[in-house]
Every structure is written in structure tokens, then in C-alpha cells.
PDB file of N, CA and C in Angstrom:
ATOM      1  N   MET A   1       0.610  -1.202   0.276  1.00  0.00           N
ATOM      2  CA  MET A   1      -0.289   0.126  -0.078  1.00  0.00           C
ATOM      3  C   MET A   1       0.843   1.400   0.209  1.00  0.00           C
ATOM      4  N   THR A   2       0.411   2.028  -0.926  1.00  0.00           N
ATOM      5  CA  THR A   2       1.457   3.437  -0.830  1.00  0.00           C
ATOM      6  C   THR A   2       0.917   4.384   0.469  1.00  0.00           C
ATOM      7  N   LEU A   3       1.825   5.293   0.723  1.00  0.00           N
ATOM      8  CA  LEU A   3       1.158   6.005   2.097  1.00  0.00           C
ATOM      9  C   LEU A   3       0.781   7.900   0.947  1.00  0.00           C
ATOM     10  N   ASP A   4      -0.414   8.286   1.625  1.00  0.00           N
ATOM     11  CA  ASP A   4      -0.544   9.804   1.320  1.00  0.00           C
ATOM     12  C   ASP A   4       0.973  10.618   1.509  1.00  0.00           C
ATOM     13  N   GLU A   5       0.961  11.281   0.538  1.00  0.00           N
ATOM     14  CA  GLU A   5       2.160  12.132   0.798  1.00  0.00           C
ATOM     15  C   GLU A   5       1.801  13.443   1.203  1.00  0.00           C
ATOM     16  N   PRO A   6       2.042  14.122   2.466  1.00  0.00           N
ATOM     17  CA  PRO A   6       1.780  15.279   2.688  1.00  0.00           C
ATOM     18  C   PRO A   6       2.727  16.434   2.148  1.00  0.00           C
ATOM     19  N   ARG A   7       4.042  15.930   2.036  1.00  0.00           N
ATOM     20  CA  ARG A   7       5.250  16.719   1.296  1.00  0.00           C
ATOM     21  C   ARG A   7       4.839  17.407  -0.006  1.00  0.00           C
ATOM     22  N   LYS A   8       4.028  16.463  -0.660  1.00  0.00           N
ATOM     23  CA  LYS A   8       4.240  17.088  -2.072  1.00  0.00           C
ATOM     24  C   LYS A   8       2.842  18.082  -2.432  1.00  0.00           C
ATOM     25  N   PRO A   9       1.492  18.539  -1.441  1.00  0.00           N
ATOM     26  CA  PRO A   9       0.712  17.442  -0.765  1.00  0.00           C
ATOM     27  C   PRO A   9      -0.573  16.558  -2.026  1.00  0.00           C
ATOM     28  N   GLU A  10      -0.682  15.658  -1.317  1.00  0.00           N
ATOM     29  CA  GLU A  10      -1.248  14.519  -2.753  1.00  0.00           C
ATOM     30  C   GLU A  10      -1.901  13.395  -2.070  1.00  0.00           C
ATOM     31  N   PHE A  11      -2.526  12.905  -1.856  1.00  0.00           N
ATOM     32  CA  PHE A  11      -2.863  11.430  -1.784  1.00  0.00           C
ATOM     33  C   PHE A  11      -2.552  10.500  -2.238  1.00  0.00           C
ATOM     34  N   ALA A  12      -2.551   9.342  -1.849  1.00  0.00           N
ATOM     35  CA  ALA A  12      -2.209   7.954  -2.721  1.00  0.00           C
ATOM     36  C   ALA A  12      -2.713   8.264  -3.335  1.00  0.00           C
ATOM     37  N   SER A  13      -4.193   7.843  -3.213  1.00  0.00           N
ATOM     38  CA  SER A  13      -5.322   7.254  -4.311  1.00  0.00           C
ATOM     39  C   SER A  13      -6.889   8.079  -3.854  1.00  0.00           C
ATOM     40  N   TRP A  14      -7.216   7.709  -5.211  1.00  0.00           N
ATOM     41  CA  TRP A  14      -8.902   8.325  -4.893  1.00  0.00           C
ATOM     42  C   TRP A  14      -9.578   8.038  -3.793  1.00  0.00           C
ATOM     43  N   ASP A  15      -9.141   6.855  -2.845  1.00  0.00           N
ATOM     44  CA  ASP A  15      -9.868   6.065  -1.672  1.00  0.00           C
ATOM     45  C   ASP A  15      -9.547   6.265  -0.403  1.00  0.00           C
ATOM     46  N   SER A  16      -8.545   7.063  -0.702  1.00  0.00           N
ATOM     47  CA  SER A  16      -7.775   6.907   0.932  1.00  0.00           C
ATOM     48  C   SER A  16      -8.550   7.460   1.552  1.00  0.00           C
ATOM     49  N   TYR A  17      -9.494   8.302   1.562  1.00  0.00           N
ATOM     50  CA  TYR A  17     -10.521   8.486   2.806  1.00  0.00           C
ATOM     51  C   TYR A  17     -11.409   6.709   3.014  1.00  0.00           C
ATOM     52  N   THR A  18     -11.990   6.133   2.048  1.00  0.00           N
ATOM     53  CA  THR A  18     -12.925   5.282   2.561  1.00  0.00           C
ATOM     54  C   THR A  18     -11.310   4.082   3.470  1.00  0.00           C
ATOM     55  N   GLN A  19     -10.187   3.841   3.363  1.00  0.00           N
ATOM     56  CA  GLN A  19      -9.605   2.970   3.542  1.00  0.00           C
ATOM     57  C   GLN A  19      -9.077   3.420   5.249  1.00  0.00           C
ATOM     58  N   PHE A  20      -9.168   4.826   5.287  1.00  0.00           N
ATOM     59  CA  PHE A  20      -8.521   5.448   6.598  1.00  0.00           C
ATOM     60  C   PHE A  20      -9.880   4.992   7.455  1.00  0.00           C
ATOM     61  N   ALA A  21     -11.279   5.308   7.142  1.00  0.00           N
ATOM     62  CA  ALA A  21     -12.255   5.166   7.488  1.00  0.00           C
ATOM     63  C   ALA A  21     -12.355   3.887   8.338  1.00  0.00           C
ATOM     64  N   ARG A  22     -11.974   2.938   7.084  1.00  0.00           N
ATOM     65  CA  ARG A  22     -12.166   1.573   7.246  1.00  0.00           C
ATOM     66  C   ARG A  22     -11.103   0.923   8.398  1.00  0.00           C
ATOM     67  N   ARG A  23     -10.272   1.771   8.354  1.00  0.00           N
ATOM     68  CA  ARG A  23      -9.038   1.012   9.363  1.00  0.00           C
ATOM     69  C   ARG A  23      -9.640   1.747  10.955  1.00  0.00           C
ATOM     70  N   VAL A  24      -9.922   2.874  11.041  1.00  0.00           N
ATOM     71  CA  VAL A  24      -9.881   3.324  12.275  1.00  0.00           C
ATOM     72  C   VAL A  24     -11.191   2.859  12.917  1.00  0.00           C
ATOM     73  N   ARG A  25     -12.412   2.635  12.136  1.00  0.00           N
ATOM     74  CA  ARG A  25     -13.457   1.769  12.599  1.00  0.00           C
ATOM     75  C   ARG A  25     -13.398   0.316  12.701  1.00  0.00           C
ATOM     76  N   ARG A  26     -12.979  -0.573  12.437  1.00  0.00           N
ATOM     77  CA  ARG A  26     -12.513  -1.524  12.301  1.00  0.00           C
ATOM     78  C   ARG A  26     -11.303  -2.485  13.375  1.00  0.00           C
ATOM     79  N   ILE A  27     -10.370  -1.698  12.562  1.00  0.00           N
ATOM     80  CA  ILE A  27      -9.001  -2.161  13.259  1.00  0.00           C
ATOM     81  C   ILE A  27      -8.209  -1.362  14.409  1.00  0.00           C
ATOM     82  N   ASN A  28      -7.791  -0.068  14.504  1.00  0.00           N
ATOM     83  CA  ASN A  28      -7.611   0.107  15.524  1.00  0.00           C
ATOM     84  C   ASN A  28      -8.069   2.032  15.736  1.00  0.00           C
ATOM     85  N   ARG A  29      -8.863   2.044  16.522  1.00  0.00           N
ATOM     86  CA  ARG A  29      -9.617   3.218  16.544  1.00  0.00           C
ATOM     87  C   ARG A  29      -8.639   4.408  17.002  1.00  0.00           C
ATOM     88  N   TYR A  30      -7.587   3.992  18.160  1.00  0.00           N
ATOM     89  CA  TYR A  30      -6.971   4.814  19.342  1.00  0.00           C
ATOM     90  C   TYR A  30      -5.432   4.791  18.640  1.00  0.00           C
ATOM     91  N   LEU A  31      -5.138   3.781  18.308  1.00  0.00           N
ATOM     92  CA  LEU A  31      -3.704   3.468  17.906  1.00  0.00           C
ATOM     93  C   LEU A  31      -3.411   4.064  16.509  1.00  0.00           C
ATOM     94  N   TRP A  32      -2.926   5.085  15.563  1.00  0.00           N
ATOM     95  CA  TRP A  32      -2.820   5.092  14.518  1.00  0.00           C
ATOM     96  C   TRP A  32      -1.295   4.606  14.202  1.00  0.00           C
ATOM     97  N   GLY A  33      -1.149   4.074  13.090  1.00  0.00           N
ATOM     98  CA  GLY A  33       0.010   3.855  12.096  1.00  0.00           C
ATOM     99  C   GLY A  33       0.588   4.697  11.223  1.00  0.00           C
ATOM    100  N   ASP A  34       0.995   4.270  10.414  1.00  0.00           N
ATOM    101  CA  ASP A  34       2.114   5.580   9.418  1.00  0.00           C
ATOM    102  C   ASP A  34       0.399   5.436   8.565  1.00  0.00           C
ATOM    103  N   GLN A  35      -0.071   4.565   7.845  1.00  0.00           N
ATOM    104  CA  GLN A  35      -1.025   4.931   6.876  1.00  0.00           C
ATOM    105  C   GLN A  35      -1.883   6.270   7.887  1.00  0.00           C
ATOM    106  N   GLU A  36      -2.683   5.836   8.886  1.00  0.00           N
ATOM    107  CA  GLU A  36      -3.735   6.721   9.491  1.00  0.00           C
ATOM    108  C   GLU A  36      -2.909   8.642   9.656  1.00  0.00           C
ATOM    109  N   THR A  37      -1.521   7.969  10.505  1.00  0.00           N
ATOM    110  CA  THR A  37      -1.020   9.717  10.188  1.00  0.00           C
ATOM    111  C   THR A  37      -0.785  10.353   8.725  1.00  0.00           C
ATOM    112  N   ALA A  38      -0.247   9.299   8.142  1.00  0.00           N
ATOM    113  CA  ALA A  38       0.069   9.808   6.364  1.00  0.00           C
ATOM    114  C   ALA A  38      -1.078  10.670   6.049  1.00  0.00           C
ATOM    115  N   PHE A  39      -2.401   9.671   6.085  1.00  0.00           N
ATOM    116  CA  PHE A  39      -3.867  10.464   5.893  1.00  0.00           C
ATOM    117  C   PHE A  39      -4.117  11.891   6.305  1.00  0.00           C
ATOM    118  N   LEU A  40      -3.973  11.407   7.352  1.00  0.00           N
ATOM    119  CA  LEU A  40      -4.372  13.136   8.425  1.00  0.00           C
ATOM    120  C   LEU A  40      -3.211  14.462   8.259  1.00  0.00           C
ATOM    121  N   ASP A  41      -2.136  13.911   7.686  1.00  0.00           N
ATOM    122  CA  ASP A  41      -1.243  14.788   7.736  1.00  0.00           C
ATOM    123  C   ASP A  41      -1.392  15.504   6.650  1.00  0.00           C
ATOM    124  N   THR A  42      -1.921  14.781   5.229  1.00  0.00           N
ATOM    125  CA  THR A  42      -1.944  14.855   4.402  1.00  0.00           C
ATOM    126  C   THR A  42      -3.618  15.833   3.815  1.00  0.00           C
ATOM    127  N   VAL A  43      -4.434  15.504   4.339  1.00  0.00           N
ATOM    128  CA  VAL A  43      -5.711  16.299   5.138  1.00  0.00           C
ATOM    129  C   VAL A  43      -4.922  18.074   5.590  1.00  0.00           C
ATOM    130  N   LEU A  44      -4.450  17.857   6.066  1.00  0.00           N
ATOM    131  CA  LEU A  44      -4.367  19.284   7.193  1.00  0.00           C
ATOM    132  C   LEU A  44      -2.875  20.067   6.094  1.00  0.00           C
ATOM    133  N   ALA A  45      -2.289  19.283   5.079  1.00  0.00           N
ATOM    134  CA  ALA A  45      -1.884  19.626   4.185  1.00  0.00           C
ATOM    135  C   ALA A  45      -2.413  20.621   3.082  1.00  0.00           C
ATOM    136  N   THR A  46      -3.346  19.634   2.465  1.00  0.00           N
ATOM    137  CA  THR A  46      -4.380  20.313   1.632  1.00  0.00           C
ATOM    138  C   THR A  46      -5.555  21.320   1.890  1.00  0.00           C
ATOM    139  N   ILE A  47      -5.718  21.070   3.389  1.00  0.00           N
ATOM    140  CA  ILE A  47      -6.990  21.864   3.939  1.00  0.00           C
ATOM    141  C   ILE A  47      -7.531  23.306   2.950  1.00  0.00           C
ATOM    142  N   CYS A  48      -6.067  23.621   2.535  1.00  0.00           N
ATOM    143  CA  CYS A  48      -5.987  25.370   1.874  1.00  0.00           C
ATOM    144  C   CYS A  48      -6.606  25.513   0.550  1.00  0.00           C
ATOM    145  N   ASN A  49      -6.750  24.351   0.092  1.00  0.00           N
ATOM    146  CA  ASN A  49      -7.636  24.332  -1.113  1.00  0.00           C
ATOM    147  C   ASN A  49      -8.715  23.955  -1.174  1.00  0.00           C
ATOM    148  N   ARG A  50      -9.092  23.947   0.066  1.00  0.00           N
ATOM    149  CA  ARG A  50     -10.561  23.465   0.358  1.00  0.00           C
ATOM    150  C   ARG A  50     -11.197  24.161   1.286  1.00  0.00           C
ATOM    151  N   ASP A  51     -10.503  25.429   1.554  1.00  0.00           N
ATOM    152  CA  ASP A  51     -10.886  26.161   2.555  1.00  0.00           C
ATOM    153  C   ASP A  51     -11.552  27.480   1.782  1.00  0.00           C
ATOM    154  N   GLY A  52     -13.000  27.826   2.142  1.00  0.00           N
ATOM    155  CA  GLY A  52     -13.509  28.738   1.896  1.00  0.00           C
ATOM    156  C   GLY A  52     -14.323  30.216   2.649  1.00  0.00           C
ATOM    157  N   MET A  53     -14.926  31.010   2.157  1.00  0.00           N
ATOM    158  CA  MET A  53     -15.435  31.876   3.300  1.00  0.00           C
ATOM    159  C   MET A  53     -16.929  31.642   3.247  1.00  0.00           C
ATOM    160  N   LEU A  54     -17.597  32.034   3.781  1.00  0.00           N
ATOM    161  CA  LEU A  54     -18.859  32.369   3.416  1.00  0.00           C
ATOM    162  C   LEU A  54     -19.429  33.100   3.571  1.00  0.00           C
ATOM    163  N   LYS A  55     -20.590  33.951   2.865  1.00  0.00           N
ATOM    164  CA  LYS A  55     -21.105  35.184   3.109  1.00  0.00           C
ATOM    165  C   LYS A  55     -21.650  35.391   4.348  1.00  0.00           C
ATOM    166  N   GLU A  56     -21.393  36.456   4.817  1.00  0.00           N
ATOM    167  CA  GLU A  56     -22.786  36.758   6.094  1.00  0.00           C
ATOM    168  C   GLU A  56     -24.362  36.744   5.795  1.00  0.00           C
ATOM    169  N   GLY A  57     -24.977  35.651   6.234  1.00  0.00           N
ATOM    170  CA  GLY A  57     -26.498  36.169   6.157  1.00  0.00           C
ATOM    171  C   GLY A  57     -26.872  34.522   5.147  1.00  0.00           C
ATOM    172  N   THR A  58     -25.605  34.025   4.852  1.00  0.00           N
ATOM    173  CA  THR A  58     -25.812  32.186   3.907  1.00  0.00           C
ATOM    174  C   THR A  58     -26.669  31.594   4.901  1.00  0.00           C
ATOM    175  N   VAL A  59     -27.386  31.256   4.190  1.00  0.00           N
ATOM    176  CA  VAL A  59     -28.060  29.994   4.533  1.00  0.00           C
ATOM    177  C   VAL A  59     -27.751  28.336   4.796  1.00  0.00           C
ATOM    178  N   LEU A  60     -27.374  27.777   5.787  1.00  0.00           N
ATOM    179  CA  LEU A  60     -27.197  26.556   5.742  1.00  0.00           C
ATOM    180  C   LEU A  60     -28.280  25.579   5.676  1.00  0.00           C
ATOM    181  N   TYR A  61     -28.143  24.443   4.921  1.00  0.00           N
ATOM    182  CA  TYR A  61     -29.214  23.412   5.058  1.00  0.00           C
ATOM    183  C   TYR A  61     -27.855  22.050   5.760  1.00  0.00           C
ATOM    184  N   ARG A  62     -28.996  21.269   6.296  1.00  0.00           N
ATOM    185  CA  ARG A  62     -28.157  19.832   6.922  1.00  0.00           C
ATOM    186  C   ARG A  62     -29.067  18.648   5.998  1.00  0.00           C
ATOM    187  N   ALA A  63     -27.983  17.829   5.930  1.00  0.00           N
ATOM    188  CA  ALA A  63     -28.762  16.074   5.208  1.00  0.00           C
ATOM    189  C   ALA A  63     -28.768  15.669   6.273  1.00  0.00           C
ATOM    190  N   GLN A  64     -29.839  14.684   6.535  1.00  0.00           N
ATOM    191  CA  GLN A  64     -30.718  14.376   7.475  1.00  0.00           C
ATOM    192  C   GLN A  64     -31.142  12.620   7.130  1.00  0.00           C
ATOM    193  N   LEU A  65     -30.556  11.545   7.435  1.00  0.00           N
ATOM    194  CA  LEU A  65     -31.515  10.332   7.077  1.00  0.00           C
ATOM    195  C   LEU A  65     -33.159  10.251   7.244  1.00  0.00           C
ATOM    196  N   GLY A  66     -33.705   9.888   6.661  1.00  0.00           N
ATOM    197  CA  GLY A  66     -35.284   9.393   7.480  1.00  0.00           C
ATOM    198  C   GLY A  66     -36.124  10.143   6.245  1.00  0.00           C
ATOM    199  N   VAL A  67     -37.349   9.798   6.890  1.00  0.00           N
ATOM    200  CA  VAL A  67     -38.697  10.508   6.086  1.00  0.00           C
ATOM    201  C   VAL A  67     -39.627  11.020   6.969  1.00  0.00           C
ATOM    202  N   ASP A  68     -40.679  11.770   6.543  1.00  0.00           N
ATOM    203  CA  ASP A  68     -42.070  12.026   7.169  1.00  0.00           C
ATOM    204  C   ASP A  68     -42.908  10.882   6.440  1.00  0.00           C
ATOM    205  N   TRP A  69     -44.054  10.522   7.128  1.00  0.00           N
ATOM    206  CA  TRP A  69     -45.151  10.013   6.587  1.00  0.00           C
ATOM    207  C   TRP A  69     -46.112  10.731   6.849  1.00  0.00           C
ATOM    208  N   GLN A  70     -46.886  10.945   5.958  1.00  0.00           N
ATOM    209  CA  GLN A  70     -48.266  12.096   5.739  1.00  0.00           C
ATOM    210  C   GLN A  70     -49.384  11.077   5.682  1.00  0.00           C
ATOM    211  N   ASP A  71     -50.220  11.190   6.339  1.00  0.00           N
ATOM    212  CA  ASP A  71     -51.341  10.296   6.083  1.00  0.00           C
ATOM    213  C   ASP A  71     -52.464  11.060   4.682  1.00  0.00           C
ATOM    214  N   LEU A  72     -52.971  10.082   4.336  1.00  0.00           N
ATOM    215  CA  LEU A  72     -53.358  10.505   2.900  1.00  0.00           C
ATOM    216  C   LEU A  72     -55.058  10.220   2.897  1.00  0.00           C
ATOM    217  N   GLU A  73     -56.324  11.092   2.926  1.00  0.00           N
ATOM    218  CA  GLU A  73     -57.221  11.096   2.985  1.00  0.00           C
ATOM    219  C   GLU A  73     -57.904  11.455   1.477  1.00  0.00           C
ATOM    220  N   ASP A  74     -59.449  11.203   1.662  1.00  0.00           N
ATOM    221  CA  ASP A  74     -60.306  11.195   0.621  1.00  0.00           C
ATOM    222  C   ASP A  74     -61.036  12.837   1.123  1.00  0.00           C
ATOM    223  N   GLU A  75     -62.168  13.070   0.106  1.00  0.00           N
ATOM    224  CA  GLU A  75     -62.507  14.472   0.740  1.00  0.00           C
ATOM    225  C   GLU A  75     -63.286  13.964   1.574  1.00  0.00           C
ATOM    226  N   GLU A  76     -64.149  12.741   2.180  1.00  0.00           N
ATOM    227  CA  GLU A  76     -64.649  12.677   3.202  1.00  0.00           C
ATOM    228  C   GLU A  76     -64.166  12.179   4.141  1.00  0.00           C
ATOM    229  N   GLY A  77     -62.911  12.428   4.155  1.00  0.00           N
ATOM    230  CA  GLY A  77     -62.176  11.849   5.584  1.00  0.00           C
ATOM    231  C   GLY A  77     -61.571  10.537   5.849  1.00  0.00           C
ATOM    232  N   ASN A  78     -61.443   9.678   4.842  1.00  0.00           N
ATOM    233  CA  ASN A  78     -61.502   8.192   4.890  1.00  0.00           C
ATOM    234  C   ASN A  78     -60.308   7.985   4.661  1.00  0.00           C
ATOM    235  N   TRP A  79     -59.409   7.503   5.152  1.00  0.00           N
ATOM    236  CA  TRP A  79     -58.093   6.920   5.175  1.00  0.00           C
ATOM    237  C   TRP A  79     -57.485   6.450   3.875  1.00  0.00           C
ATOM    238  N   LEU A  80     -56.835   6.588   3.366  1.00  0.00           N
ATOM    239  CA  LEU A  80     -56.381   5.779   1.821  1.00  0.00           C
ATOM    240  C   LEU A  80     -55.063   5.389   1.902  1.00  0.00           C
ATOM    241  N   GLY A  81     -54.134   5.543   3.190  1.00  0.00           N
ATOM    242  CA  GLY A  81     -52.931   4.942   3.351  1.00  0.00           C
ATOM    243  C   GLY A  81     -51.989   6.225   3.526  1.00  0.00           C
ATOM    244  N   GLU A  82     -50.607   5.836   3.109  1.00  0.00           N
ATOM    245  CA  GLU A  82     -49.446   6.851   3.851  1.00  0.00           C
ATOM    246  C   GLU A  82     -48.608   7.026   2.617  1.00  0.00           C
ATOM    247  N   ASN A  83     -48.322   8.454   2.764  1.00  0.00           N
ATOM    248  CA  ASN A  83     -46.990   9.384   1.506  1.00  0.00           C
ATOM    249  C   ASN A  83     -45.983   9.423   2.325  1.00  0.00           C
ATOM    250  N   VAL A  84     -44.923   8.730   1.819  1.00  0.00           N
ATOM    251  CA  VAL A  84     -43.470   8.734   2.173  1.00  0.00           C
ATOM    252  C   VAL A  84     -43.088   9.871   1.508  1.00  0.00           C
ATOM    253  N   ARG A  85     -42.502  11.194   2.273  1.00  0.00           N
ATOM    254  CA  ARG A  85     -41.677  12.291   1.755  1.00  0.00           C
ATOM    255  C   ARG A  85     -40.692  12.793   2.408  1.00  0.00           C
ATOM    256  N   ALA A  86     -39.489  13.632   1.842  1.00  0.00           N
ATOM    257  CA  ALA A  86     -38.134  13.877   2.628  1.00  0.00           C
ATOM    258  C   ALA A  86     -38.652  14.490   3.615  1.00  0.00           C
ATOM    259  N   TYR A  87     -37.872  15.113   4.837  1.00  0.00           N
ATOM    260  CA  TYR A  87     -38.294  15.673   5.608  1.00  0.00           C
ATOM    261  C   TYR A  87     -38.273  17.318   4.946  1.00  0.00           C
ATOM    262  N   GLY A  88     -39.279  18.202   5.727  1.00  0.00           N
ATOM    263  CA  GLY A  88     -39.417  19.454   5.613  1.00  0.00           C
ATOM    264  C   GLY A  88     -38.426  20.221   5.939  1.00  0.00           C
ATOM    265  N   SER A  89     -38.486  21.772   5.315  1.00  0.00           N
ATOM    266  CA  SER A  89     -37.190  22.747   5.408  1.00  0.00           C
ATOM    267  C   SER A  89     -37.622  23.099   6.759  1.00  0.00           C
ATOM    268  N   SER A  90     -37.819  22.875   7.464  1.00  0.00           N
ATOM    269  CA  SER A  90     -38.030  23.610   8.895  1.00  0.00           C
ATOM    270  C   SER A  90     -37.120  22.173   9.660  1.00  0.00           C
ATOM    271  N   ARG A  91     -36.778  21.347   9.275  1.00  0.00           N
ATOM    272  CA  ARG A  91     -36.000  19.938  10.282  1.00  0.00           C
ATOM    273  C   ARG A  91     -34.516  20.062   9.454  1.00  0.00           C
ATOM    274  N   MET A  92     -34.700  21.135   8.574  1.00  0.00           N
ATOM    275  CA  MET A  92     -33.285  21.099   7.819  1.00  0.00           C
ATOM    276  C   MET A  92     -32.370  21.801   8.341  1.00  0.00           C
ATOM    277  N   LYS A  93     -32.563  23.197   9.027  1.00  0.00           N
ATOM    278  CA  LYS A  93     -32.127  24.048   9.037  1.00  0.00           C
ATOM    279  C   LYS A  93     -31.104  23.633  11.026  1.00  0.00           C
ATOM    280  N   PRO A  94     -30.232  23.875  10.910  1.00  0.00           N
ATOM    281  CA  PRO A  94     -29.286  23.173  12.013  1.00  0.00           C
ATOM    282  C   PRO A  94     -29.177  24.301  13.615  1.00  0.00           C
TER     283      PRO A  94
END
């Protein structure tokens, strides 16, 4: 396995994050080896390329797993079933 290279700065693979996440979830969460340290150092070395300022007043939304269930009724109030839909905007603001 090729290590990420923070001095370049460059990740060894497009899959570097997935490999890092798998190792810290399943192998060793608290004691990092050379691969984990190199990945994190590369993240720090390349963060300036992904850093940006948000304008004041920018509205942010969050992604959230789950759905709302909406009861469907006819004109007479008889229950027809349920409709699945994404969470509404009121729930998406952090």
C-alpha cells in the first residue's frame, strides 16, 4: 500500500478516505499507524485548497437520513394510506 504524501501534498489514491475510515472503525481506533498518520497529515496539508469563506447571512441546510409519513385522506376524511416524503425545510436548518 502506498502512503499518502503530505509533503507533495497529495493523496496516494482516490480511495484514501475510505481506507482510512475502514481502518479506524474496524482495526484500531485509538492507536494510529503510518497509514493513518500520513492520511491525516495530508488532509492538513491540502485543507487550504478546500477552505472558503461564507458570506454573512448565508443559509445552511443539513442532510438528514429519514422520511416523514403523511396520511392520505379522501374528501370525506377516509384514510387512503400513507405517503412517504423527505423531511420538510423546517427540520433541515441546523
